[in-house]
Amino acid sequence: MIRGLLQERSENNLMAEKLLTVRDVSLILGISEKEVMDLVENKQLAAYKVGGVYIRFKEEQITEFRKSFKPAAHKNKTIISHKYAFKDRINDFFYFNDFYILSVLIILLILVIIFQGY
């Protein structure tokens, strides 16, 4: 019971403070919201759950974290470019559009049958 009261009191204290959302933190740090969530999951950034659902951040902690955070080093990602052969592109086109191609062919066949009767 005491633990429940302490947890409720700490949640009320968090709600009384101005807490930042994931979007706010991403704007402050200059990174994407996914990268903020990755920092939270890796326990590099302190976060709080209000009501057990929503993740919030204290402004003072974000300010301290920002001083040591280097977004340029965090954003070093290797970009892999794939070069597809023409045959692979054609195969992908037919694979993803086969329904539409078949529908157009059936409609054209029906139109030919209808207009041959006249």
C-alpha atoms as a PDB file:
ATOM      1  CA  MET A   1       0.000   0.000   0.000  1.00  0.00           C
ATOM      2  CA  ILE A   2       2.836   2.371   0.848  1.00  0.00           C
ATOM      3  CA  ARG A   3       4.511   1.548  -2.462  1.00  0.00           C
ATOM      4  CA  GLY A   4       1.272   2.393  -4.285  1.00  0.00           C
ATOM      5  CA  LEU A   5       1.010   5.727  -2.488  1.00  0.00           C
ATOM      6  CA  LEU A   6       4.624   6.574  -3.253  1.00  0.00           C
ATOM      7  CA  GLN A   7       4.167   5.659  -6.905  1.00  0.00           C
ATOM      8  CA  GLU A   8       0.972   7.722  -7.111  1.00  0.00           C
ATOM      9  CA  ARG A   9       2.694  10.666  -5.429  1.00  0.00           C
ATOM     10  CA  SER A  10       5.659  10.468  -7.823  1.00  0.00           C
ATOM     11  CA  GLU A  11       3.264  10.339 -10.814  1.00  0.00           C
ATOM     12  CA  ASN A  12       1.448  13.399  -9.484  1.00  0.00           C
ATOM     13  CA  ASN A  13       4.775  15.219  -9.099  1.00  0.00           C
ATOM     14  CA  LEU A  14       5.675  14.364 -12.702  1.00  0.00           C
ATOM     15  CA  MET A  15       2.304  15.620 -13.898  1.00  0.00           C
ATOM     16  CA  ALA A  16       2.761  18.894 -12.001  1.00  0.00           C
ATOM     17  CA  GLU A  17       6.063  19.521 -13.790  1.00  0.00           C
ATOM     18  CA  LYS A  18       6.324  20.577 -17.405  1.00  0.00           C
ATOM     19  CA  LEU A  19       7.251  17.348 -19.145  1.00  0.00           C
ATOM     20  CA  LEU A  20       8.338  17.063 -22.753  1.00  0.00           C
ATOM     21  CA  THR A  21       6.949  14.652 -25.324  1.00  0.00           C
ATOM     22  CA  VAL A  22       8.968  12.499 -27.709  1.00  0.00           C
ATOM     23  CA  ARG A  23       8.298  15.040 -30.464  1.00  0.00           C
ATOM     24  CA  ASP A  24       9.536  17.907 -28.290  1.00  0.00           C
ATOM     25  CA  VAL A  25      12.754  16.040 -27.487  1.00  0.00           C
ATOM     26  CA  SER A  26      13.319  15.141 -31.134  1.00  0.00           C
ATOM     27  CA  LEU A  27      13.026  18.818 -32.071  1.00  0.00           C
ATOM     28  CA  ILE A  28      15.368  19.900 -29.282  1.00  0.00           C
ATOM     29  CA  LEU A  29      18.015  17.296 -30.125  1.00  0.00           C
ATOM     30  CA  GLY A  30      17.568  17.579 -33.892  1.00  0.00           C
ATOM     31  CA  ILE A  31      16.930  13.873 -34.436  1.00  0.00           C
ATOM     32  CA  SER A  32      13.924  11.781 -35.438  1.00  0.00           C
ATOM     33  CA  GLU A  33      11.344  10.475 -32.973  1.00  0.00           C
ATOM     34  CA  LYS A  34      12.493   6.930 -33.679  1.00  0.00           C
ATOM     35  CA  GLU A  35      16.043   7.870 -32.733  1.00  0.00           C
ATOM     36  CA  VAL A  36      14.737   9.333 -29.449  1.00  0.00           C
ATOM     37  CA  MET A  37      12.952   6.052 -28.733  1.00  0.00           C
ATOM     38  CA  ASP A  38      16.145   4.151 -29.567  1.00  0.00           C
ATOM     39  CA  LEU A  39      18.056   6.292 -27.054  1.00  0.00           C
ATOM     40  CA  VAL A  40      15.410   5.514 -24.416  1.00  0.00           C
ATOM     41  CA  GLU A  41      15.537   1.777 -25.164  1.00  0.00           C
ATOM     42  CA  ASN A  42      19.347   1.814 -24.919  1.00  0.00           C
ATOM     43  CA  LYS A  43      19.015   3.656 -21.585  1.00  0.00           C
ATOM     44  CA  GLN A  44      21.085   6.567 -22.846  1.00  0.00           C
ATOM     45  CA  LEU A  45      18.214   8.970 -22.226  1.00  0.00           C
ATOM     46  CA  ALA A  46      16.078   9.069 -19.078  1.00  0.00           C
ATOM     47  CA  ALA A  47      12.335   8.844 -19.693  1.00  0.00           C
ATOM     48  CA  TYR A  48       9.213   8.568 -17.565  1.00  0.00           C
ATOM     49  CA  LYS A  49       5.936   6.829 -18.169  1.00  0.00           C
ATOM     50  CA  VAL A  50       2.949   8.828 -17.045  1.00  0.00           C
ATOM     51  CA  GLY A  51      -0.034   6.599 -16.378  1.00  0.00           C
ATOM     52  CA  GLY A  52       2.047   3.627 -17.513  1.00  0.00           C
ATOM     53  CA  VAL A  53       1.608   4.514 -21.169  1.00  0.00           C
ATOM     54  CA  TYR A  54       2.997   7.809 -22.378  1.00  0.00           C
ATOM     55  CA  ILE A  55       6.736   8.470 -22.362  1.00  0.00           C
ATOM     56  CA  ARG A  56       7.722  11.922 -21.116  1.00  0.00           C
ATOM     57  CA  PHE A  57      10.997  13.664 -20.394  1.00  0.00           C
ATOM     58  CA  LYS A  58      12.166  16.253 -17.881  1.00  0.00           C
ATOM     59  CA  GLU A  59      13.398  19.434 -19.516  1.00  0.00           C
ATOM     60  CA  GLU A  60      16.439  19.729 -17.233  1.00  0.00           C
ATOM     61  CA  GLN A  61      17.600  16.207 -18.084  1.00  0.00           C
ATOM     62  CA  ILE A  62      17.204  16.827 -21.823  1.00  0.00           C
ATOM     63  CA  THR A  63      19.210  20.048 -21.518  1.00  0.00           C
ATOM     64  CA  GLU A  64      22.021  18.181 -19.727  1.00  0.00           C
ATOM     65  CA  PHE A  65      21.906  15.348 -22.251  1.00  0.00           C
ATOM     66  CA  ARG A  66      22.027  17.799 -25.151  1.00  0.00           C
ATOM     67  CA  LYS A  67      25.361  19.199 -23.929  1.00  0.00           C
ATOM     68  CA  SER A  68      27.079  15.828 -24.346  1.00  0.00           C
ATOM     69  CA  PHE A  69      25.028  14.582 -27.309  1.00  0.00           C
ATOM     70  CA  LYS A  70      26.500  14.795 -30.791  1.00  0.00           C
ATOM     71  CA  PRO A  71      23.786  14.256 -33.410  1.00  0.00           C
ATOM     72  CA  ALA A  72      26.262  14.208 -36.305  1.00  0.00           C
ATOM     73  CA  ALA A  73      28.027  11.188 -34.823  1.00  0.00           C
ATOM     74  CA  HIS A  74      24.673   9.566 -34.111  1.00  0.00           C
ATOM     75  CA  LYS A  75      23.455   9.957 -37.663  1.00  0.00           C
ATOM     76  CA  ASN A  76      26.349   8.185 -39.372  1.00  0.00           C
ATOM     77  CA  LYS A  77      24.451   5.582 -41.305  1.00  0.00           C
ATOM     78  CA  THR A  78      25.627   3.643 -44.266  1.00  0.00           C
ATOM     79  CA  ILE A  79      23.386   3.946 -47.261  1.00  0.00           C
ATOM     80  CA  ILE A  80      23.242   0.852 -49.371  1.00  0.00           C
ATOM     81  CA  SER A  81      22.162   1.379 -52.931  1.00  0.00           C
ATOM     82  CA  HIS A  82      20.856  -1.533 -54.892  1.00  0.00           C
ATOM     83  CA  LYS A  83      21.219  -1.654 -58.613  1.00  0.00           C
ATOM     84  CA  TYR A  84      18.469  -3.705 -60.161  1.00  0.00           C
ATOM     85  CA  ALA A  85      18.733  -5.250 -63.555  1.00  0.00           C
ATOM     86  CA  PHE A  86      16.084  -4.391 -66.120  1.00  0.00           C
ATOM     87  CA  LYS A  87      14.760  -7.969 -65.953  1.00  0.00           C
ATOM     88  CA  ASP A  88      14.304  -7.676 -62.171  1.00  0.00           C
ATOM     89  CA  ARG A  89      12.416  -4.397 -62.562  1.00  0.00           C
ATOM     90  CA  ILE A  90      10.082  -5.958 -65.145  1.00  0.00           C
ATOM     91  CA  ASN A  91       9.498  -8.966 -62.876  1.00  0.00           C
ATOM     92  CA  ASP A  92       8.701  -6.661 -59.940  1.00  0.00           C
ATOM     93  CA  PHE A  93       6.346  -4.586 -62.101  1.00  0.00           C
ATOM     94  CA  PHE A  94       4.333  -7.627 -63.147  1.00  0.00           C
ATOM     95  CA  TYR A  95       4.412  -9.099 -59.652  1.00  0.00           C
ATOM     96  CA  PHE A  96       2.969  -5.979 -58.024  1.00  0.00           C
ATOM     97  CA  ASN A  97       0.587  -4.999 -60.829  1.00  0.00           C
ATOM     98  CA  ASP A  98      -0.644  -8.369 -62.069  1.00  0.00           C
ATOM     99  CA  PHE A  99      -4.193  -7.799 -60.836  1.00  0.00           C
ATOM    100  CA  TYR A 100      -4.519  -4.497 -62.689  1.00  0.00           C
ATOM    101  CA  ILE A 101      -2.996  -5.864 -65.871  1.00  0.00           C
ATOM    102  CA  LEU A 102      -5.299  -8.897 -65.811  1.00  0.00           C
ATOM    103  CA  SER A 103      -8.321  -6.674 -65.108  1.00  0.00           C
ATOM    104  CA  VAL A 104      -7.525  -4.406 -68.076  1.00  0.00           C
ATOM    105  CA  LEU A 105      -7.093  -7.423 -70.367  1.00  0.00           C
ATOM    106  CA  ILE A 106     -10.428  -8.908 -69.285  1.00  0.00           C
ATOM    107  CA  ILE A 107     -12.201  -5.575 -69.783  1.00  0.00           C
ATOM    108  CA  LEU A 108     -10.656  -5.209 -73.248  1.00  0.00           C
ATOM    109  CA  LEU A 109     -11.693  -8.763 -74.138  1.00  0.00           C
ATOM    110  CA  ILE A 110     -15.272  -8.083 -73.009  1.00  0.00           C
ATOM    111  CA  LEU A 111     -15.358  -4.834 -75.032  1.00  0.00           C
ATOM    112  CA  VAL A 112     -14.091  -6.649 -78.145  1.00  0.00           C
ATOM    113  CA  ILE A 113     -16.774  -9.322 -77.736  1.00  0.00           C
ATOM    114  CA  ILE A 114     -19.502  -6.689 -77.215  1.00  0.00           C
ATOM    115  CA  PHE A 115     -18.534  -4.548 -80.210  1.00  0.00           C
ATOM    116  CA  GLN A 116     -18.027  -7.503 -82.604  1.00  0.00           C
ATOM    117  CA  GLY A 117     -21.717  -8.289 -82.202  1.00  0.00           C
ATOM    118  CA  TYR A 118     -22.715  -4.916 -83.663  1.00  0.00           C
END
